[in-house]
C-alpha atoms as a PDB file:
ATOM      1  CA  UNK A   1      65.742  25.006 102.380  1.00  0.00           C
ATOM      2  CA  UNK A   2      69.234  23.521 102.332  1.00  0.00           C
ATOM      3  CA  UNK A   3      71.879  25.725 103.970  1.00  0.00           C
ATOM      4  CA  UNK A   4      74.878  23.427 103.461  1.00  0.00           C
ATOM      5  CA  UNK A   5      75.401  20.896 100.684  1.00  0.00           C
ATOM      6  CA  UNK A   6      78.766  19.149 100.353  1.00  0.00           C
ATOM      7  CA  UNK A   7      79.491  16.389  97.845  1.00  0.00           C
ATOM      8  CA  UNK A   8      82.785  14.469  97.911  1.00  0.00           C
ATOM      9  CA  UNK A   9      84.390  17.526  99.552  1.00  0.00           C
ATOM     10  CA  UNK A  10      88.158  17.323  99.894  1.00  0.00           C
ATOM     11  CA  UNK A  11      90.325  19.873 101.700  1.00  0.00           C
ATOM     12  CA  UNK A  12      94.094  19.532 101.540  1.00  0.00           C
ATOM     13  CA  UNK A  13      96.254  21.141 104.209  1.00  0.00           C
ATOM     14  CA  UNK A  14      99.566  20.979 102.421  1.00  0.00           C
ATOM     15  CA  UNK A  15      99.435  17.474 101.025  1.00  0.00           C
ATOM     16  CA  UNK A  16      97.358  16.085 103.922  1.00  0.00           C
ATOM     17  CA  UNK A  17      93.648  15.414 103.227  1.00  0.00           C
ATOM     18  CA  UNK A  18      92.050  16.998 106.316  1.00  0.00           C
ATOM     19  CA  UNK A  19      88.708  16.292 104.644  1.00  0.00           C
ATOM     20  CA  UNK A  20      88.731  13.191 102.504  1.00  0.00           C
ATOM     21  CA  UNK A  21      85.455  13.108 100.593  1.00  0.00           C
ATOM     22  CA  UNK A  22      82.704  14.510 102.829  1.00  0.00           C
ATOM     23  CA  UNK A  23      79.002  14.363 101.957  1.00  0.00           C
ATOM     24  CA  UNK A  24      76.799  16.532 104.173  1.00  0.00           C
ATOM     25  CA  UNK A  25      73.488  18.377 103.942  1.00  0.00           C
ATOM     26  CA  UNK A  26      72.155  20.727 106.616  1.00  0.00           C
ATOM     27  CA  UNK A  27      68.717  22.284 106.387  1.00  0.00           C
ATOM     28  CA  UNK A  28      67.672  25.652 107.772  1.00  0.00           C
ATOM     29  CA  UNK A  29      66.200  25.201 111.243  1.00  0.00           C
ATOM     30  CA  UNK A  30      68.348  22.135 111.872  1.00  0.00           C
ATOM     31  CA  UNK A  31      70.952  21.696 114.624  1.00  0.00           C
ATOM     32  CA  UNK A  32      73.514  19.126 113.510  1.00  0.00           C
ATOM     33  CA  UNK A  33      76.130  17.785 115.901  1.00  0.00           C
ATOM     34  CA  UNK A  34      79.391  16.624 114.304  1.00  0.00           C
ATOM     35  CA  UNK A  35      81.002  14.318 116.825  1.00  0.00           C
ATOM     36  CA  UNK A  36      84.493  12.862 116.644  1.00  0.00           C
ATOM     37  CA  UNK A  37      87.923  12.728 118.291  1.00  0.00           C
ATOM     38  CA  UNK A  38      90.490  15.478 118.056  1.00  0.00           C
ATOM     39  CA  UNK A  39      92.103  15.423 114.621  1.00  0.00           C
ATOM     40  CA  UNK A  40      89.045  13.908 112.941  1.00  0.00           C
ATOM     41  CA  UNK A  41      88.545  16.963 110.706  1.00  0.00           C
ATOM     42  CA  UNK A  42      85.693  18.697 112.571  1.00  0.00           C
ATOM     43  CA  UNK A  43      87.322  22.138 112.716  1.00  0.00           C
ATOM     44  CA  UNK A  44      88.369  21.863 109.071  1.00  0.00           C
ATOM     45  CA  UNK A  45      84.762  21.118 108.149  1.00  0.00           C
ATOM     46  CA  UNK A  46      83.531  24.232 109.980  1.00  0.00           C
ATOM     47  CA  UNK A  47      86.210  26.427 108.410  1.00  0.00           C
ATOM     48  CA  UNK A  48      85.299  25.119 104.955  1.00  0.00           C
ATOM     49  CA  UNK A  49      81.621  25.925 105.538  1.00  0.00           C
ATOM     50  CA  UNK A  50      82.630  29.401 106.752  1.00  0.00           C
ATOM     51  CA  UNK A  51      84.419  30.079 103.475  1.00  0.00           C
ATOM     52  CA  UNK A  52      87.814  30.242 105.155  1.00  0.00           C
ATOM     53  CA  UNK A  53      89.357  27.199 103.463  1.00  0.00           C
ATOM     54  CA  UNK A  54      89.576  26.381  99.794  1.00  0.00           C
ATOM     55  CA  UNK A  55      87.796  23.320  98.443  1.00  0.00           C
ATOM     56  CA  UNK A  56      90.445  21.127  96.815  1.00  0.00           C
ATOM     57  CA  UNK A  57      88.067  18.656  95.172  1.00  0.00           C
ATOM     58  CA  UNK A  58      84.344  17.965  95.071  1.00  0.00           C
ATOM     59  CA  UNK A  59      81.490  20.438  95.345  1.00  0.00           C
ATOM     60  CA  UNK A  60      80.324  22.731  98.135  1.00  0.00           C
ATOM     61  CA  UNK A  61      77.340  25.057  98.336  1.00  0.00           C
ATOM     62  CA  UNK A  62      76.655  27.176 101.442  1.00  0.00           C
ATOM     63  CA  UNK A  63      73.602  29.449 101.604  1.00  0.00           C
ATOM     64  CA  UNK A  64      73.353  29.279  97.839  1.00  0.00           C
ATOM     65  CA  UNK A  65      76.978  30.339  97.317  1.00  0.00           C
ATOM     66  CA  UNK A  66      79.437  28.085  95.497  1.00  0.00           C
ATOM     67  CA  UNK A  67      82.472  27.473  97.713  1.00  0.00           C
ATOM     68  CA  UNK A  68      84.592  27.195  94.618  1.00  0.00           C
ATOM     69  CA  UNK A  69      83.694  30.640  93.290  1.00  0.00           C
ATOM     70  CA  UNK A  70      82.294  32.900  96.002  1.00  0.00           C
ATOM     71  CA  UNK A  71      83.787  32.216  99.428  1.00  0.00           C
ATOM     72  CA  UNK A  72      83.757  35.936 100.323  1.00  0.00           C
ATOM     73  CA  UNK A  73      79.960  36.030 100.035  1.00  0.00           C
ATOM     74  CA  UNK A  74      79.718  33.037 102.377  1.00  0.00           C
ATOM     75  CA  UNK A  75      81.850  34.696 105.046  1.00  0.00           C
ATOM     76  CA  UNK A  76      79.486  37.668 105.303  1.00  0.00           C
ATOM     77  CA  UNK A  77      76.518  35.428 106.145  1.00  0.00           C
ATOM     78  CA  UNK A  78      78.084  32.916 108.538  1.00  0.00           C
ATOM     79  CA  UNK A  79      78.951  33.118 112.243  1.00  0.00           C
ATOM     80  CA  UNK A  80      81.934  30.989 113.303  1.00  0.00           C
ATOM     81  CA  UNK A  81      83.038  30.299 116.866  1.00  0.00           C
ATOM     82  CA  UNK A  82      86.395  28.524 116.812  1.00  0.00           C
ATOM     83  CA  UNK A  83      88.861  27.599 119.525  1.00  0.00           C
ATOM     84  CA  UNK A  84      90.220  31.125 119.144  1.00  0.00           C
ATOM     85  CA  UNK A  85      87.546  33.635 120.153  1.00  0.00           C
ATOM     86  CA  UNK A  86      88.785  36.169 117.545  1.00  0.00           C
ATOM     87  CA  UNK A  87      88.455  39.031 120.033  1.00  0.00           C
ATOM     88  CA  UNK A  88      90.750  42.034 120.325  1.00  0.00           C
ATOM     89  CA  UNK A  89      92.197  41.726 123.824  1.00  0.00           C
ATOM     90  CA  UNK A  90      92.781  45.452 124.285  1.00  0.00           C
ATOM     91  CA  UNK A  91      89.151  46.273 123.443  1.00  0.00           C
ATOM     92  CA  UNK A  92      86.259  45.919 125.846  1.00  0.00           C
ATOM     93  CA  UNK A  93      83.440  43.452 125.301  1.00  0.00           C
ATOM     94  CA  UNK A  94      81.186  46.235 124.026  1.00  0.00           C
ATOM     95  CA  UNK A  95      83.893  47.591 121.718  1.00  0.00           C
ATOM     96  CA  UNK A  96      84.555  44.147 120.251  1.00  0.00           C
ATOM     97  CA  UNK A  97      80.888  43.735 119.413  1.00  0.00           C
ATOM     98  CA  UNK A  98      80.776  47.210 117.889  1.00  0.00           C
ATOM     99  CA  UNK A  99      83.657  46.220 115.597  1.00  0.00           C
ATOM    100  CA  UNK A 100      81.785  43.098 114.473  1.00  0.00           C
ATOM    101  CA  UNK A 101      78.561  45.045 114.025  1.00  0.00           C
ATOM    102  CA  UNK A 102      80.262  47.602 111.774  1.00  0.00           C
ATOM    103  CA  UNK A 103      82.031  44.891 109.775  1.00  0.00           C
ATOM    104  CA  UNK A 104      78.718  43.095 109.276  1.00  0.00           C
ATOM    105  CA  UNK A 105      76.773  46.299 108.630  1.00  0.00           C
ATOM    106  CA  UNK A 106      74.258  45.641 111.388  1.00  0.00           C
ATOM    107  CA  UNK A 107      72.851  48.022 113.980  1.00  0.00           C
ATOM    108  CA  UNK A 108      75.290  48.774 116.819  1.00  0.00           C
ATOM    109  CA  UNK A 109      72.265  49.481 119.019  1.00  0.00           C
ATOM    110  CA  UNK A 110      71.888  45.683 119.294  1.00  0.00           C
ATOM    111  CA  UNK A 111      75.220  45.341 121.137  1.00  0.00           C
ATOM    112  CA  UNK A 112      73.959  45.835 124.730  1.00  0.00           C
ATOM    113  CA  UNK A 113      71.112  43.393 124.160  1.00  0.00           C
ATOM    114  CA  UNK A 114      73.453  40.722 122.794  1.00  0.00           C
ATOM    115  CA  UNK A 115      75.746  41.001 125.812  1.00  0.00           C
ATOM    116  CA  UNK A 116      72.759  40.849 128.135  1.00  0.00           C
ATOM    117  CA  UNK A 117      71.439  37.821 126.318  1.00  0.00           C
ATOM    118  CA  UNK A 118      74.706  35.975 126.928  1.00  0.00           C
ATOM    119  CA  UNK A 119      74.593  36.925 130.601  1.00  0.00           C
ATOM    120  CA  UNK A 120      77.749  39.034 130.730  1.00  0.00           C
ATOM    121  CA  UNK A 121      77.476  41.234 133.861  1.00  0.00           C
ATOM    122  CA  UNK A 122      77.183  44.959 133.216  1.00  0.00           C
ATOM    123  CA  UNK A 123      80.298  45.645 135.311  1.00  0.00           C
ATOM    124  CA  UNK A 124      82.412  43.575 132.876  1.00  0.00           C
ATOM    125  CA  UNK A 125      81.218  45.097 129.616  1.00  0.00           C
ATOM    126  CA  UNK A 126      83.753  47.929 129.733  1.00  0.00           C
ATOM    127  CA  UNK A 127      86.676  45.719 130.820  1.00  0.00           C
ATOM    128  CA  UNK A 128      89.328  44.785 128.197  1.00  0.00           C
ATOM    129  CA  UNK A 129      88.607  41.232 127.097  1.00  0.00           C
ATOM    130  CA  UNK A 130      92.148  40.052 127.840  1.00  0.00           C
ATOM    131  CA  UNK A 131      91.279  40.603 131.519  1.00  0.00           C
ATOM    132  CA  UNK A 132      88.197  38.403 131.366  1.00  0.00           C
ATOM    133  CA  UNK A 133      88.127  34.712 132.204  1.00  0.00           C
ATOM    134  CA  UNK A 134      88.057  32.097 129.435  1.00  0.00           C
ATOM    135  CA  UNK A 135      84.355  31.512 130.008  1.00  0.00           C
ATOM    136  CA  UNK A 136      83.574  35.221 129.932  1.00  0.00           C
ATOM    137  CA  UNK A 137      85.496  35.649 126.673  1.00  0.00           C
ATOM    138  CA  UNK A 138      83.534  32.728 125.254  1.00  0.00           C
ATOM    139  CA  UNK A 139      80.306  34.521 126.116  1.00  0.00           C
ATOM    140  CA  UNK A 140      81.523  37.700 124.415  1.00  0.00           C
ATOM    141  CA  UNK A 141      82.475  35.747 121.288  1.00  0.00           C
ATOM    142  CA  UNK A 142      79.030  34.166 121.172  1.00  0.00           C
ATOM    143  CA  UNK A 143      77.417  37.575 121.715  1.00  0.00           C
ATOM    144  CA  UNK A 144      79.340  38.772 118.644  1.00  0.00           C
ATOM    145  CA  UNK A 145      77.617  36.043 116.631  1.00  0.00           C
ATOM    146  CA  UNK A 146      74.229  36.985 118.084  1.00  0.00           C
ATOM    147  CA  UNK A 147      74.648  40.630 117.097  1.00  0.00           C
ATOM    148  CA  UNK A 148      75.510  39.638 113.516  1.00  0.00           C
ATOM    149  CA  UNK A 149      72.398  37.427 113.112  1.00  0.00           C
ATOM    150  CA  UNK A 150      74.030  34.945 110.724  1.00  0.00           C
ATOM    151  CA  UNK A 151      72.069  32.509 108.610  1.00  0.00           C
ATOM    152  CA  UNK A 152      74.499  29.691 109.458  1.00  0.00           C
ATOM    153  CA  UNK A 153      76.026  29.171 112.909  1.00  0.00           C
ATOM    154  CA  UNK A 154      79.244  27.122 113.079  1.00  0.00           C
ATOM    155  CA  UNK A 155      80.230  26.421 116.687  1.00  0.00           C
ATOM    156  CA  UNK A 156      83.360  24.483 117.653  1.00  0.00           C
ATOM    157  CA  UNK A 157      83.027  23.094 121.198  1.00  0.00           C
ATOM    158  CA  UNK A 158      80.427  25.738 122.118  1.00  0.00           C
ATOM    159  CA  UNK A 159      80.324  24.735 125.801  1.00  0.00           C
ATOM    160  CA  UNK A 160      84.097  24.912 126.329  1.00  0.00           C
ATOM    161  CA  UNK A 161      85.095  26.997 129.351  1.00  0.00           C
ATOM    162  CA  UNK A 162      81.497  27.671 130.397  1.00  0.00           C
ATOM    163  CA  UNK A 163      79.853  26.927 133.724  1.00  0.00           C
ATOM    164  CA  UNK A 164      76.421  25.314 133.941  1.00  0.00           C
ATOM    165  CA  UNK A 165      74.674  28.692 133.741  1.00  0.00           C
ATOM    166  CA  UNK A 166      76.696  29.637 130.666  1.00  0.00           C
ATOM    167  CA  UNK A 167      75.902  26.314 128.986  1.00  0.00           C
ATOM    168  CA  UNK A 168      72.190  26.823 129.577  1.00  0.00           C
ATOM    169  CA  UNK A 169      72.367  30.331 128.119  1.00  0.00           C
ATOM    170  CA  UNK A 170      74.210  29.088 125.031  1.00  0.00           C
ATOM    171  CA  UNK A 171      71.703  26.281 124.569  1.00  0.00           C
ATOM    172  CA  UNK A 172      68.857  28.775 124.681  1.00  0.00           C
ATOM    173  CA  UNK A 173      70.538  31.083 122.166  1.00  0.00           C
ATOM    174  CA  UNK A 174      71.277  28.226 119.759  1.00  0.00           C
ATOM    175  CA  UNK A 175      67.760  26.813 120.024  1.00  0.00           C
ATOM    176  CA  UNK A 176      66.279  30.253 119.375  1.00  0.00           C
ATOM    177  CA  UNK A 177      68.486  30.757 116.321  1.00  0.00           C
ATOM    178  CA  UNK A 178      67.371  27.446 114.839  1.00  0.00           C
ATOM    179  CA  UNK A 179      63.727  28.196 115.626  1.00  0.00           C
ATOM    180  CA  UNK A 180      64.124  31.494 113.750  1.00  0.00           C
ATOM    181  CA  UNK A 181      65.329  29.610 110.673  1.00  0.00           C
ATOM    182  CA  UNK A 182      69.098  29.599 110.985  1.00  0.00           C
ATOM    183  CA  UNK A 183      71.070  26.417 110.368  1.00  0.00           C
ATOM    184  CA  UNK A 184      73.439  25.349 113.151  1.00  0.00           C
ATOM    185  CA  UNK A 185      76.411  22.993 113.014  1.00  0.00           C
ATOM    186  CA  UNK A 186      78.065  22.087 116.319  1.00  0.00           C
ATOM    187  CA  UNK A 187      81.389  20.253 116.573  1.00  0.00           C
ATOM    188  CA  UNK A 188      82.397  18.370 119.703  1.00  0.00           C
ATOM    189  CA  UNK A 189      84.679  15.485 120.661  1.00  0.00           C
ATOM    190  CA  UNK A 190      81.878  14.076 122.813  1.00  0.00           C
ATOM    191  CA  UNK A 191      78.102  14.032 122.681  1.00  0.00           C
ATOM    192  CA  UNK A 192      77.518  15.453 126.180  1.00  0.00           C
ATOM    193  CA  UNK A 193      75.297  18.553 126.477  1.00  0.00           C
ATOM    194  CA  UNK A 194      75.687  19.325 122.767  1.00  0.00           C
ATOM    195  CA  UNK A 195      73.810  16.137 121.986  1.00  0.00           C
ATOM    196  CA  UNK A 196      70.747  17.458 123.813  1.00  0.00           C
ATOM    197  CA  UNK A 197      70.654  20.411 121.412  1.00  0.00           C
ATOM    198  CA  UNK A 198      71.041  18.418 118.228  1.00  0.00           C
ATOM    199  CA  UNK A 199      68.219  17.392 115.948  1.00  0.00           C
ATOM    200  CA  UNK A 200      70.680  15.073 114.200  1.00  0.00           C
ATOM    201  CA  UNK A 201      74.114  13.660 114.989  1.00  0.00           C
ATOM    202  CA  UNK A 202      76.852  12.527 112.615  1.00  0.00           C
ATOM    203  CA  UNK A 203      80.227  11.085 113.468  1.00  0.00           C
ATOM    204  CA  UNK A 204      83.536  12.056 111.930  1.00  0.00           C
ATOM    205  CA  UNK A 205      86.777  10.104 111.718  1.00  0.00           C
ATOM    206  CA  UNK A 206      89.696  10.311 109.338  1.00  0.00           C
ATOM    207  CA  UNK A 207      88.243  13.283 107.505  1.00  0.00           C
ATOM    208  CA  UNK A 208      84.984  11.542 106.547  1.00  0.00           C
ATOM    209  CA  UNK A 209      81.431  11.561 107.926  1.00  0.00           C
ATOM    210  CA  UNK A 210      78.933   8.857 108.732  1.00  0.00           C
ATOM    211  CA  UNK A 211      75.222   9.493 109.345  1.00  0.00           C
ATOM    212  CA  UNK A 212      72.797   7.474 111.361  1.00  0.00           C
ATOM    213  CA  UNK A 213      73.553   8.238 115.015  1.00  0.00           C
ATOM    214  CA  UNK A 214      70.687   9.119 117.280  1.00  0.00           C
ATOM    215  CA  UNK A 215      70.586  12.743 118.530  1.00  0.00           C
END
């Protein structure tokens, strides 16, 4: 089943076409790597698929929801990891996940398991997140996606700030999500470890996509 279908998708930021006619399909169970330099439009693409940006022209369908009419419905079913971890610095890791669980109407009892799955030490789970390292905050942000169980994962530079152990954990979590039927879109400025996860790779430049690269 197709999770993402974009046809001639254009997103204007002011008068600038951050996406300039993108065609993309992503199937459930697929892990697609979007590779390209900074400024190519990768983050804009993820934010469009998350229902956070308005489609200026073209057509977009995410999880059966029309991006032109029902972006709010998309946001409830998607997990986005951006450059900003979207954590409340004064709250602990556990408290941040509880907030996301309540907002997503999922069981808060899953919070400890999600933190354990991302390898965050028990001693750090009750520490305010603004006192954690960048890599630790990244793990908490990914645990927040795990606890929500989204149907579409949108991960911008998922390995950023992580050590080798953290990268392996993230790879395992992403692979498990895809195996369970979620669709995953990764964005990175290089192939690197993300390329090992991908079932398909596309390249982005100037707000457009090209298929045909090997994973």
